[in-house]
Amino acid sequence: MLKKIEATGVAVLLIGFLLWGSSSRFTLIPFSIFATIGLVLIVIARGRAQRHGSFLCRMGFHKNKHIRWDDEMKSMAIYQCERCGMTKKVMKNV
C-alpha cells in the first residue's frame, strides 16, 4: 500500500513538472499544487515505510562515508551512512 502511495506521489510530481515545462503562463499554479501534493505523498510514504534512525535517512538522503574497498572485487567501494549505519557497495570505474 505504501509503495502505491509513493508511486502516486512520484506520478503527481512528474505531472507537475510536465505542466511547468509547457510554455503556458497559466501553469505555475497547477505546478505548485501538483508538486506540493506529490512531495507530501512521497514524504508520508517514505516516513511510514522506512525505519532508519534519522528523518533525512528515511527520505533517502544518507550521509555516506567511504570505509574500504571490497576484497572480492577491487573496483567495488563500500560506503556506510554516518547517521543510520546502512552500508552499500558501489562499483567504481577504474
Protein backbone atom coordinates (compact mmCIF):
# COMPACT_ATOMS: atom_id res chain seq x y z
CA MET A 1 0.00 0.00 0.00
CA LEU A 2 2.80 2.42 0.86
CA LYS A 3 4.56 1.64 -2.43
CA LYS A 4 1.37 2.61 -4.28
CA ILE A 5 1.19 5.89 -2.36
CA GLU A 6 4.83 6.62 -3.18
CA ALA A 7 4.31 5.74 -6.85
CA THR A 8 1.26 8.00 -6.96
CA GLY A 9 3.28 10.82 -5.40
CA VAL A 10 6.03 10.39 -7.98
CA ALA A 11 3.45 10.39 -10.79
CA VAL A 12 1.75 13.52 -9.48
CA LEU A 13 5.13 15.24 -9.11
CA LEU A 14 6.03 14.25 -12.67
CA ILE A 15 2.73 15.66 -13.96
CA GLY A 16 3.51 18.90 -12.12
CA PHE A 17 6.92 19.15 -13.78
CA LEU A 18 5.40 18.42 -17.18
CA LEU A 19 2.91 21.24 -16.63
CA TRP A 20 5.76 23.54 -15.61
CA GLY A 21 7.70 22.57 -18.72
CA SER A 22 4.87 23.53 -21.02
CA SER A 23 5.13 27.04 -22.36
CA SER A 24 1.89 28.42 -20.98
CA ARG A 25 1.91 31.21 -18.45
CA PHE A 26 -1.06 29.68 -16.58
CA THR A 27 0.79 26.55 -15.48
CA LEU A 28 2.54 27.98 -12.42
CA ILE A 29 -0.39 27.46 -10.05
CA PRO A 30 -1.15 23.86 -11.16
CA PHE A 31 2.58 23.10 -10.98
CA SER A 32 2.80 24.27 -7.40
CA ILE A 33 -0.33 22.35 -6.43
CA PHE A 34 0.81 19.13 -8.11
CA ALA A 35 4.36 19.49 -6.75
CA THR A 36 3.14 20.05 -3.20
CA ILE A 37 0.71 17.11 -3.29
CA GLY A 38 3.35 14.84 -4.84
CA LEU A 39 6.01 15.75 -2.29
CA VAL A 40 3.61 15.29 0.62
CA LEU A 41 2.62 11.83 -0.63
CA ILE A 42 6.27 10.81 -1.05
CA VAL A 43 7.24 12.08 2.40
CA ILE A 44 4.31 10.28 4.05
CA ALA A 45 5.01 7.00 2.28
CA ARG A 46 8.75 7.01 2.93
CA GLY A 47 8.35 8.19 6.51
CA ARG A 48 5.99 5.32 7.32
CA ALA A 49 7.78 2.57 5.36
CA GLN A 50 11.43 3.06 6.25
CA ARG A 51 12.61 2.86 9.85
CA HIS A 52 16.05 4.45 9.88
CA GLY A 53 17.19 6.49 12.83
CA SER A 54 17.31 9.87 11.14
CA PHE A 55 14.48 11.62 9.31
CA LEU A 56 16.85 12.51 6.47
CA CYS A 57 17.83 8.85 6.10
CA ARG A 58 14.15 7.91 5.86
CA MET A 59 13.78 10.28 2.94
CA GLY A 60 16.84 8.79 1.21
CA PHE A 61 19.40 11.50 2.00
CA HIS A 62 22.13 9.39 3.59
CA LYS A 63 25.47 10.89 4.61
CA ASN A 64 27.75 8.23 3.18
CA LYS A 65 31.42 7.88 4.01
CA HIS A 66 33.91 5.65 2.21
CA ILE A 67 35.01 2.84 4.54
CA ARG A 68 37.09 0.47 2.47
CA TRP A 69 37.43 -1.35 -0.82
CA ASP A 70 35.81 -4.74 -1.33
CA ASP A 71 38.12 -7.75 -1.05
CA GLU A 72 36.44 -9.77 -3.80
CA MET A 73 36.27 -7.04 -6.46
CA LYS A 74 38.91 -4.31 -6.34
CA SER A 75 36.71 -1.81 -8.18
CA MET A 76 33.90 -2.10 -5.60
CA ALA A 77 33.87 0.53 -2.84
CA ILE A 78 31.98 0.10 0.41
CA TYR A 79 30.21 3.12 1.90
CA GLN A 80 28.46 3.48 5.28
CA CYS A 81 25.98 6.13 6.36
CA GLU A 82 27.23 8.15 9.31
CA ARG A 83 23.73 8.65 10.72
CA CYS A 84 21.98 5.29 10.42
CA GLY A 85 24.85 2.86 9.75
CA MET A 86 23.46 1.44 6.50
CA THR A 87 26.17 0.07 4.20
CA LYS A 88 26.17 -0.13 0.42
CA LYS A 89 28.53 -1.26 -2.30
CA VAL A 90 29.29 0.96 -5.26
CA MET A 91 31.05 -0.05 -8.47
CA LYS A 92 33.79 2.44 -9.40
CA ASN A 93 35.23 2.90 -12.88
CA VAL A 94 38.95 2.31 -12.69
